[in-house]
C-alpha atoms as a PDB file:
ATOM      1  CA  MET A   1      93.798  46.005  49.848  1.00  0.00           C
ATOM      2  CA  SER A   2      92.643  49.590  49.816  1.00  0.00           C
ATOM      3  CA  ALA A   3      91.477  50.698  53.223  1.00  0.00           C
ATOM      4  CA  GLY A   4      90.217  54.065  52.054  1.00  0.00           C
ATOM      5  CA  ILE A   5      93.559  55.796  52.645  1.00  0.00           C
ATOM      6  CA  PRO A   6      94.358  58.284  49.893  1.00  0.00           C
ATOM      7  CA  LEU A   7      97.697  57.642  48.210  1.00  0.00           C
ATOM      8  CA  ALA A   8      98.165  61.150  46.794  1.00  0.00           C
ATOM      9  CA  SER A   9      99.439  64.079  48.796  1.00  0.00           C
ATOM     10  CA  TRP A  10      97.171  66.959  49.703  1.00  0.00           C
ATOM     11  CA  LYS A  11      98.906  69.152  47.102  1.00  0.00           C
ATOM     12  CA  THR A  12      98.105  66.673  44.356  1.00  0.00           C
ATOM     13  CA  GLN A  13      94.498  66.408  45.476  1.00  0.00           C
ATOM     14  CA  ILE A  14      94.100  70.186  45.446  1.00  0.00           C
ATOM     15  CA  LEU A  15      95.629  70.391  41.956  1.00  0.00           C
ATOM     16  CA  GLU A  16      93.394  67.608  40.639  1.00  0.00           C
ATOM     17  CA  SER A  17      90.259  69.121  42.137  1.00  0.00           C
ATOM     18  CA  THR A  18      91.123  72.570  40.780  1.00  0.00           C
ATOM     19  CA  VAL A  19      91.981  71.427  37.257  1.00  0.00           C
ATOM     20  CA  GLY A  20      89.564  68.471  37.155  1.00  0.00           C
ATOM     21  CA  PHE A  21      86.505  70.422  36.038  1.00  0.00           C
ATOM     22  CA  LEU A  22      88.296  71.975  33.036  1.00  0.00           C
ATOM     23  CA  PRO A  23      88.283  70.470  29.535  1.00  0.00           C
ATOM     24  CA  ASP A  24      91.065  68.040  28.659  1.00  0.00           C
ATOM     25  CA  TRP A  25      92.973  70.430  26.405  1.00  0.00           C
ATOM     26  CA  VAL A  26      93.083  73.054  29.202  1.00  0.00           C
ATOM     27  CA  GLN A  27      94.241  70.435  31.724  1.00  0.00           C
ATOM     28  CA  ILE A  28      97.052  69.344  29.427  1.00  0.00           C
ATOM     29  CA  THR A  29      98.055  72.959  28.778  1.00  0.00           C
ATOM     30  CA  VAL A  30      98.092  73.814  32.493  1.00  0.00           C
ATOM     31  CA  LEU A  31     100.130  70.734  33.380  1.00  0.00           C
ATOM     32  CA  ALA A  32     102.555  71.439  30.521  1.00  0.00           C
ATOM     33  CA  LEU A  33     103.029  75.014  31.747  1.00  0.00           C
ATOM     34  CA  ILE A  34     103.704  73.788  35.286  1.00  0.00           C
ATOM     35  CA  VAL A  35     106.283  71.294  34.023  1.00  0.00           C
ATOM     36  CA  LEU A  36     107.842  73.985  31.823  1.00  0.00           C
ATOM     37  CA  ALA A  37     108.109  76.372  34.788  1.00  0.00           C
ATOM     38  CA  VAL A  38     109.811  73.722  36.940  1.00  0.00           C
ATOM     39  CA  VAL A  39     112.279  72.797  34.196  1.00  0.00           C
ATOM     40  CA  ALA A  40     113.010  76.475  33.469  1.00  0.00           C
ATOM     41  CA  SER A  41     113.744  77.148  37.144  1.00  0.00           C
ATOM     42  CA  TRP A  42     116.157  74.194  37.186  1.00  0.00           C
ATOM     43  CA  VAL A  43     117.916  75.457  34.058  1.00  0.00           C
ATOM     44  CA  ILE A  44     118.253  78.963  35.487  1.00  0.00           C
ATOM     45  CA  LYS A  45     119.580  77.592  38.768  1.00  0.00           C
ATOM     46  CA  ILE A  46     122.171  75.438  36.979  1.00  0.00           C
ATOM     47  CA  LYS A  47     123.262  78.343  34.736  1.00  0.00           C
ATOM     48  CA  ARG A  48     123.737  80.601  37.772  1.00  0.00           C
ATOM     49  CA  ARG A  49     125.730  77.910  39.565  1.00  0.00           C
ATOM     50  CA  ILE A  50     127.992  77.437  36.527  1.00  0.00           C
ATOM     51  CA  ALA A  51     128.482  81.204  36.163  1.00  0.00           C
ATOM     52  CA  HIS A  52     129.342  81.495  39.852  1.00  0.00           C
ATOM     53  CA  ARG A  53     131.910  78.703  39.612  1.00  0.00           C
ATOM     54  CA  ARG A  54     133.501  80.298  36.541  1.00  0.00           C
ATOM     55  CA  ALA A  55     133.671  83.672  38.278  1.00  0.00           C
ATOM     56  CA  VAL A  56     135.298  82.152  41.331  1.00  0.00           C
ATOM     57  CA  ARG A  57     137.850  80.269  39.231  1.00  0.00           C
ATOM     58  CA  SER A  58     138.781  83.180  36.963  1.00  0.00           C
ATOM     59  CA  GLY A  59     138.767  85.878  39.630  1.00  0.00           C
ATOM     60  CA  PRO A  60     141.914  87.342  41.163  1.00  0.00           C
ATOM     61  CA  PRO A  61     143.299  85.463  44.145  1.00  0.00           C
ATOM     62  CA  LEU A  62     141.887  86.825  47.363  1.00  0.00           C
ATOM     63  CA  GLY A  63     144.001  87.576  50.389  1.00  0.00           C
ATOM     64  CA  ALA A  64     147.223  88.153  48.457  1.00  0.00           C
ATOM     65  CA  ALA A  65     149.164  90.608  50.611  1.00  0.00           C
ATOM     66  CA  ALA A  66     151.464  93.201  49.096  1.00  0.00           C
ATOM     67  CA  PRO A  67     155.160  92.688  49.794  1.00  0.00           C
ATOM     68  CA  HIS A  68     156.674  94.711  52.616  1.00  0.00           C
ATOM     69  CA  GLY A  69     157.230  98.348  51.731  1.00  0.00           C
ATOM     70  CA  GLN A  70     154.782  98.421  48.814  1.00  0.00           C
ATOM     71  CA  GLY A  71     152.142 100.762  50.189  1.00  0.00           C
ATOM     72  CA  SER A  72     149.497 100.680  52.843  1.00  0.00           C
ATOM     73  CA  GLY A  73     146.095  99.057  52.807  1.00  0.00           C
ATOM     74  CA  ALA A  74     144.487 102.370  51.845  1.00  0.00           C
ATOM     75  CA  ASP A  75     146.439 102.263  48.569  1.00  0.00           C
ATOM     76  CA  HIS A  76     144.580  99.101  47.536  1.00  0.00           C
ATOM     77  CA  LEU A  77     141.024 100.194  48.346  1.00  0.00           C
ATOM     78  CA  GLY A  78     140.233 101.382  44.838  1.00  0.00           C
ATOM     79  CA  PRO A  79     136.753 102.923  44.616  1.00  0.00           C
ATOM     80  CA  TYR A  80     136.249 102.332  48.347  1.00  0.00           C
ATOM     81  CA  ALA A  81     139.068 104.678  49.327  1.00  0.00           C
ATOM     82  CA  PRO A  82     137.983 107.786  51.250  1.00  0.00           C
ATOM     83  CA  GLN A  83     137.532 110.878  49.135  1.00  0.00           C
ATOM     84  CA  PRO A  84     139.805 113.891  49.681  1.00  0.00           C
ATOM     85  CA  GLN A  85     138.564 116.500  52.123  1.00  0.00           C
ATOM     86  CA  GLN A  86     136.260 119.094  50.608  1.00  0.00           C
ATOM     87  CA  PRO A  87     137.109 122.754  51.237  1.00  0.00           C
ATOM     88  CA  SER A  88     135.051 124.541  53.852  1.00  0.00           C
ATOM     89  CA  GLY A  89     132.401 127.138  53.083  1.00  0.00           C
ATOM     90  CA  ALA A  90     134.789 130.046  53.746  1.00  0.00           C
ATOM     91  CA  ASP A  91     137.032 128.810  50.937  1.00  0.00           C
ATOM     92  CA  PHE A  92     134.269 129.486  48.408  1.00  0.00           C
ATOM     93  CA  LEU A  93     133.716 133.105  49.462  1.00  0.00           C
ATOM     94  CA  GLY A  94     136.531 134.409  47.311  1.00  0.00           C
ATOM     95  CA  ALA A  95     136.653 138.217  47.386  1.00  0.00           C
ATOM     96  CA  TYR A  96     133.822 138.281  49.905  1.00  0.00           C
ATOM     97  CA  ALA A  97     135.830 136.411  52.560  1.00  0.00           C
ATOM     98  CA  PRO A  98     136.593 138.490  55.623  1.00  0.00           C
ATOM     99  CA  GLY A  99     140.158 139.773  55.692  1.00  0.00           C
ATOM    100  CA  GLN A 100     142.547 138.736  58.406  1.00  0.00           C
ATOM    101  CA  ARG A 101     142.874 141.246  61.165  1.00  0.00           C
ATOM    102  CA  GLN A 102     146.139 142.012  62.841  1.00  0.00           C
ATOM    103  CA  GLY A 103     146.726 139.397  65.511  1.00  0.00           C
ATOM    104  CA  ASP A 104     144.569 136.735  63.824  1.00  0.00           C
ATOM    105  CA  GLY A 105     147.452 135.387  61.779  1.00  0.00           C
ATOM    106  CA  PRO A 106     149.689 132.482  62.674  1.00  0.00           C
ATOM    107  CA  ALA A 107     151.766 132.976  65.769  1.00  0.00           C
END
C-alpha cells in the first residue's frame, strides 16, 4: 500500500542520513548518547521542579502583614533597606575645613 510517501519525519531522515555512513558501533554509541542526553535533561527538569515545590512549601508565608503599631514597611526591608546618608565631602576635611565666619552661623 506504499505510495512512495515517507513515514519518517524530516528530522529522523536527517539523523539517519548523517549517521548512516558510520560503522555500527559508532551509530549505536551516538544513539545511546542522544538517549542519555534526553533522559538526563528530564531528570534535571524533574529535580528542579521538586526543589522548587519544596522551597515554596517550606518558605515563610508571603503577604503576612505586621499587626498595627509594629513598625513601618521600611523596618521589614532587610538588605533592601536604604543605606544611611553618607557625610558630605566637607565633613572629611577635618582641621582643613574652613572656619565659620561671623554671621554664617545659625540664626
